[in-house]
């Protein structure tokens, strides 16, 4: 609250009429109280941002003597991430016919959606060449989530895959 202090000045000792001097004093206590109330309110009502991470379930380490389950090769879709944001894909292992697409919505997403509807319980193998970028891997993992593909694995690229990609490009 502001108050005006009165007093002083205005004396008639020497016969001159002087105007009364007023001094103002502003009490800052309510404003400080309000500032602390607002600060407390925002601290208590703010939610901290939660980190958004992608959960990847890693397979268990294979023990010696354990047999790997066999998978029908017709259910395996292989994606090879190449240079210049290109993706090579093929179905099967024996005599695969690789095709080249990009990361556009009519590219790999269309292929994934089509193959996911055609092949029941499809498994996607993602293989990155040395020329591919980290962004390509993030993009393809995003495409797996967008296309609702539950079974996929990141696998090392083989020399046979490199030969298939050379033929397709």
Foldseek 3Di string as FASTA:
>chain_A
DKDKDWDDAQDCPPNDGDDTDIDMDDDCVVVVVVVVVVVVVCVVPDDDDDDDDDDDDDDDDDDPPDDDDDDDQQQEKEWEQDAPQKIWIFGGDPPTQIAIFGLDCVTPLVVLLVSPVVHDLHEYEYEYDPNGDPVSVVSVVVSCVVSVPDHYYYDYDDVVNVVNVVVRD
